[in-house]
N, C-alpha and C. Protein backbone atom coordinates (compact mmCIF):
# COMPACT_ATOMS: atom_id res chain seq x y z
N MET A 1 34.20 -39.01 -26.96
CA MET A 1 34.20 -38.87 -28.41
C MET A 1 35.61 -38.49 -28.84
N ASN A 2 36.13 -39.21 -29.80
CA ASN A 2 37.48 -38.95 -30.27
C ASN A 2 37.44 -38.16 -31.59
N ASP A 3 38.63 -37.86 -32.06
CA ASP A 3 38.73 -37.05 -33.28
C ASP A 3 38.16 -37.77 -34.50
N ALA A 4 38.33 -39.07 -34.56
CA ALA A 4 37.83 -39.83 -35.70
C ALA A 4 36.31 -39.78 -35.78
N ALA A 5 35.65 -39.84 -34.63
CA ALA A 5 34.18 -39.78 -34.62
C ALA A 5 33.69 -38.41 -35.07
N VAL A 6 34.36 -37.37 -34.63
CA VAL A 6 33.98 -36.00 -35.03
C VAL A 6 34.17 -35.82 -36.53
N LEU A 7 35.29 -36.30 -37.04
CA LEU A 7 35.55 -36.18 -38.47
C LEU A 7 34.57 -37.01 -39.29
N SER A 8 34.19 -38.18 -38.79
CA SER A 8 33.21 -39.01 -39.48
C SER A 8 31.85 -38.33 -39.54
N ILE A 9 31.43 -37.74 -38.44
CA ILE A 9 30.15 -37.03 -38.41
C ILE A 9 30.18 -35.82 -39.34
N ALA A 10 31.28 -35.08 -39.31
CA ALA A 10 31.40 -33.90 -40.18
C ALA A 10 31.41 -34.31 -41.65
N GLU A 11 32.08 -35.41 -41.96
CA GLU A 11 32.13 -35.88 -43.35
C GLU A 11 30.75 -36.30 -43.83
N ARG A 12 30.01 -37.02 -43.01
CA ARG A 12 28.66 -37.44 -43.39
C ARG A 12 27.74 -36.23 -43.52
N ALA A 13 27.88 -35.25 -42.63
CA ALA A 13 27.04 -34.05 -42.70
C ALA A 13 27.31 -33.27 -43.99
N LEU A 14 28.57 -33.13 -44.35
CA LEU A 14 28.91 -32.44 -45.60
C LEU A 14 28.41 -33.21 -46.82
N ALA A 15 28.49 -34.53 -46.76
CA ALA A 15 28.01 -35.34 -47.89
C ALA A 15 26.51 -35.19 -48.05
N VAL A 16 25.77 -35.21 -46.96
CA VAL A 16 24.31 -35.06 -47.03
C VAL A 16 23.95 -33.65 -47.49
N ALA A 17 24.66 -32.65 -46.98
CA ALA A 17 24.38 -31.27 -47.40
C ALA A 17 24.64 -31.08 -48.89
N THR A 18 25.70 -31.67 -49.39
CA THR A 18 26.01 -31.58 -50.82
C THR A 18 24.96 -32.31 -51.64
N LEU A 19 24.55 -33.48 -51.17
CA LEU A 19 23.55 -34.27 -51.88
C LEU A 19 22.21 -33.56 -51.93
N VAL A 20 21.83 -32.91 -50.84
CA VAL A 20 20.53 -32.24 -50.78
C VAL A 20 20.55 -30.92 -51.57
N ALA A 21 21.65 -30.18 -51.47
CA ALA A 21 21.72 -28.88 -52.15
C ALA A 21 22.06 -29.00 -53.62
N GLY A 22 22.59 -30.14 -54.03
CA GLY A 22 23.03 -30.32 -55.41
C GLY A 22 21.98 -30.05 -56.47
N PRO A 23 20.79 -30.67 -56.37
CA PRO A 23 19.79 -30.42 -57.42
C PRO A 23 19.35 -28.95 -57.51
N ILE A 24 19.23 -28.29 -56.38
CA ILE A 24 18.82 -26.88 -56.39
C ILE A 24 19.90 -26.02 -57.04
N LEU A 25 21.14 -26.24 -56.65
CA LEU A 25 22.23 -25.44 -57.22
C LEU A 25 22.43 -25.73 -58.70
N ALA A 26 22.27 -26.99 -59.09
CA ALA A 26 22.45 -27.34 -60.50
C ALA A 26 21.38 -26.69 -61.38
N ILE A 27 20.13 -26.74 -60.94
CA ILE A 27 19.06 -26.15 -61.76
C ILE A 27 19.19 -24.62 -61.79
N ALA A 28 19.62 -24.02 -60.69
CA ALA A 28 19.83 -22.57 -60.69
C ALA A 28 20.95 -22.19 -61.66
N LEU A 29 22.00 -23.00 -61.71
CA LEU A 29 23.10 -22.74 -62.63
C LEU A 29 22.66 -22.86 -64.08
N VAL A 30 21.93 -23.91 -64.40
CA VAL A 30 21.49 -24.14 -65.78
C VAL A 30 20.52 -23.05 -66.22
N VAL A 31 19.55 -22.73 -65.39
CA VAL A 31 18.57 -21.70 -65.76
C VAL A 31 19.27 -20.34 -65.85
N GLY A 32 20.19 -20.06 -64.96
CA GLY A 32 20.92 -18.80 -65.02
C GLY A 32 21.72 -18.66 -66.30
N LEU A 33 22.36 -19.75 -66.70
CA LEU A 33 23.12 -19.70 -67.96
C LEU A 33 22.21 -19.53 -69.17
N LEU A 34 21.08 -20.22 -69.18
CA LEU A 34 20.15 -20.08 -70.30
C LEU A 34 19.57 -18.66 -70.38
N VAL A 35 19.21 -18.10 -69.24
CA VAL A 35 18.67 -16.74 -69.23
C VAL A 35 19.75 -15.74 -69.65
N ALA A 36 20.97 -15.95 -69.20
CA ALA A 36 22.07 -15.06 -69.60
C ALA A 36 22.33 -15.15 -71.10
N LEU A 37 22.22 -16.35 -71.65
CA LEU A 37 22.39 -16.53 -73.09
C LEU A 37 21.29 -15.80 -73.86
N VAL A 38 20.05 -15.94 -73.40
CA VAL A 38 18.93 -15.24 -74.05
C VAL A 38 19.10 -13.73 -73.93
N GLN A 39 19.53 -13.27 -72.77
CA GLN A 39 19.74 -11.83 -72.59
C GLN A 39 20.85 -11.32 -73.50
N THR A 40 21.88 -12.12 -73.67
CA THR A 40 22.98 -11.71 -74.54
C THR A 40 22.54 -11.67 -76.00
N LEU A 41 21.78 -12.67 -76.41
CA LEU A 41 21.34 -12.71 -77.80
C LEU A 41 20.34 -11.62 -78.13
N THR A 42 19.47 -11.28 -77.18
CA THR A 42 18.44 -10.27 -77.44
C THR A 42 18.85 -8.88 -76.97
N GLN A 43 19.99 -8.77 -76.31
CA GLN A 43 20.51 -7.52 -75.77
C GLN A 43 19.55 -6.86 -74.80
N ILE A 44 18.81 -7.67 -74.06
CA ILE A 44 17.95 -7.18 -72.99
C ILE A 44 18.78 -7.24 -71.71
N GLN A 45 18.99 -6.10 -71.09
CA GLN A 45 19.81 -6.05 -69.88
C GLN A 45 18.95 -5.72 -68.67
N GLU A 46 18.00 -6.55 -68.39
CA GLU A 46 17.11 -6.37 -67.24
C GLU A 46 17.56 -7.33 -66.13
N ALA A 47 17.90 -6.78 -64.98
CA ALA A 47 18.44 -7.60 -63.89
C ALA A 47 17.38 -8.53 -63.30
N THR A 48 16.14 -8.08 -63.27
CA THR A 48 15.09 -8.91 -62.66
C THR A 48 14.64 -10.04 -63.57
N LEU A 49 15.01 -9.99 -64.83
CA LEU A 49 14.60 -11.03 -65.77
C LEU A 49 15.18 -12.40 -65.40
N SER A 50 16.36 -12.43 -64.85
CA SER A 50 16.96 -13.71 -64.49
C SER A 50 16.42 -14.25 -63.17
N PHE A 51 15.86 -13.39 -62.35
CA PHE A 51 15.39 -13.81 -61.03
C PHE A 51 14.15 -14.68 -61.10
N VAL A 52 13.18 -14.30 -61.88
CA VAL A 52 11.89 -15.01 -61.92
C VAL A 52 12.03 -16.43 -62.48
N PRO A 53 12.72 -16.66 -63.59
CA PRO A 53 12.86 -18.04 -64.06
C PRO A 53 13.63 -18.93 -63.08
N LYS A 54 14.67 -18.37 -62.45
CA LYS A 54 15.41 -19.14 -61.46
C LYS A 54 14.53 -19.50 -60.27
N LEU A 55 13.76 -18.54 -59.81
CA LEU A 55 12.86 -18.79 -58.68
C LEU A 55 11.83 -19.86 -59.03
N ALA A 56 11.27 -19.79 -60.22
CA ALA A 56 10.28 -20.79 -60.64
C ALA A 56 10.91 -22.17 -60.78
N ALA A 57 12.10 -22.25 -61.34
CA ALA A 57 12.77 -23.54 -61.51
C ALA A 57 13.16 -24.14 -60.16
N ILE A 58 13.64 -23.32 -59.25
CA ILE A 58 14.00 -23.81 -57.92
C ILE A 58 12.76 -24.27 -57.17
N ALA A 59 11.67 -23.54 -57.30
CA ALA A 59 10.43 -23.96 -56.65
C ALA A 59 9.96 -25.30 -57.21
N LEU A 60 10.08 -25.48 -58.50
CA LEU A 60 9.69 -26.75 -59.12
C LEU A 60 10.58 -27.90 -58.62
N VAL A 61 11.87 -27.66 -58.52
CA VAL A 61 12.79 -28.69 -58.02
C VAL A 61 12.47 -29.04 -56.57
N VAL A 62 12.17 -28.04 -55.76
CA VAL A 62 11.84 -28.31 -54.36
C VAL A 62 10.53 -29.09 -54.26
N VAL A 63 9.57 -28.77 -55.09
CA VAL A 63 8.30 -29.50 -55.08
C VAL A 63 8.53 -30.95 -55.50
N LEU A 64 9.36 -31.16 -56.53
CA LEU A 64 9.58 -32.51 -57.04
C LEU A 64 10.49 -33.35 -56.15
N THR A 65 11.49 -32.74 -55.52
CA THR A 65 12.46 -33.51 -54.74
C THR A 65 12.42 -33.20 -53.25
N GLY A 66 11.46 -32.40 -52.82
CA GLY A 66 11.39 -32.01 -51.41
C GLY A 66 11.22 -33.18 -50.47
N HIS A 67 10.39 -34.15 -50.86
CA HIS A 67 10.17 -35.31 -50.01
C HIS A 67 11.47 -36.09 -49.82
N TRP A 68 12.21 -36.28 -50.89
CA TRP A 68 13.49 -36.98 -50.81
C TRP A 68 14.48 -36.21 -49.95
N MET A 69 14.52 -34.87 -50.10
CA MET A 69 15.43 -34.05 -49.31
C MET A 69 15.13 -34.17 -47.82
N ILE A 70 13.86 -34.07 -47.46
CA ILE A 70 13.46 -34.21 -46.06
C ILE A 70 13.80 -35.60 -45.55
N GLN A 71 13.61 -36.61 -46.37
CA GLN A 71 13.92 -37.99 -45.98
C GLN A 71 15.42 -38.15 -45.71
N GLU A 72 16.26 -37.58 -46.55
CA GLU A 72 17.70 -37.66 -46.35
C GLU A 72 18.12 -36.94 -45.07
N LEU A 73 17.59 -35.74 -44.86
CA LEU A 73 17.94 -34.98 -43.66
C LEU A 73 17.43 -35.67 -42.40
N THR A 74 16.24 -36.25 -42.47
CA THR A 74 15.68 -36.95 -41.31
C THR A 74 16.48 -38.20 -40.99
N SER A 75 16.87 -38.95 -42.00
CA SER A 75 17.65 -40.16 -41.74
C SER A 75 19.01 -39.82 -41.15
N MET A 76 19.62 -38.72 -41.58
CA MET A 76 20.88 -38.29 -41.00
C MET A 76 20.70 -37.90 -39.54
N THR A 77 19.63 -37.19 -39.24
CA THR A 77 19.36 -36.77 -37.88
C THR A 77 19.08 -37.97 -36.98
N VAL A 78 18.28 -38.90 -37.45
CA VAL A 78 17.98 -40.11 -36.67
C VAL A 78 19.26 -40.91 -36.44
N SER A 79 20.10 -40.99 -37.44
CA SER A 79 21.37 -41.69 -37.30
C SER A 79 22.25 -41.04 -36.24
N LEU A 80 22.31 -39.72 -36.25
CA LEU A 80 23.12 -39.02 -35.25
C LEU A 80 22.57 -39.22 -33.85
N TYR A 81 21.25 -39.14 -33.69
CA TYR A 81 20.65 -39.34 -32.38
C TYR A 81 20.85 -40.77 -31.89
N SER A 82 20.82 -41.74 -32.79
CA SER A 82 21.02 -43.13 -32.37
C SER A 82 22.47 -43.40 -31.98
N GLU A 83 23.40 -42.59 -32.45
CA GLU A 83 24.82 -42.76 -32.11
C GLU A 83 25.19 -42.09 -30.79
N ILE A 84 24.32 -41.29 -30.22
CA ILE A 84 24.66 -40.56 -29.00
C ILE A 84 25.11 -41.50 -27.86
N PRO A 85 24.42 -42.59 -27.57
CA PRO A 85 24.91 -43.46 -26.48
C PRO A 85 26.31 -44.01 -26.76
N HIS A 86 26.59 -44.38 -27.99
CA HIS A 86 27.92 -44.89 -28.33
C HIS A 86 28.97 -43.80 -28.18
N LEU A 87 28.65 -42.60 -28.59
CA LEU A 87 29.62 -41.51 -28.51
C LEU A 87 29.89 -41.10 -27.06
N VAL A 88 28.86 -41.17 -26.22
CA VAL A 88 29.02 -40.81 -24.81
C VAL A 88 29.83 -41.88 -24.08
N GLN A 89 29.70 -43.13 -24.47
CA GLN A 89 30.46 -44.22 -23.84
C GLN A 89 31.95 -44.05 -24.08
N THR A 90 32.31 -43.48 -25.18
CA THR A 90 33.75 -43.35 -25.49
C THR A 90 34.41 -42.21 -24.75
N LEU A 91 33.62 -41.42 -24.02
CA LEU A 91 34.23 -40.34 -23.23
C LEU A 91 34.90 -40.94 -22.08
């Protein structure tokens, strides 16, 4: 296995990780900003108030996109396992 193969695998792994984590992080950011805006407007300074809506939104995103996330991770794993003979030959 040469340096180019390692960098290619690392690049694909980072791309898949970003693609899979993106929807969860985006919804957490949006809900966090909305809750912070509501807290600022109503002057309610309760720390746990932002936790429950974020948790519910993230759970909803995982329920809606979980199948796709597992499919992406599985296809990446299958791709890596199928490349093992080629990578071993280059040693």
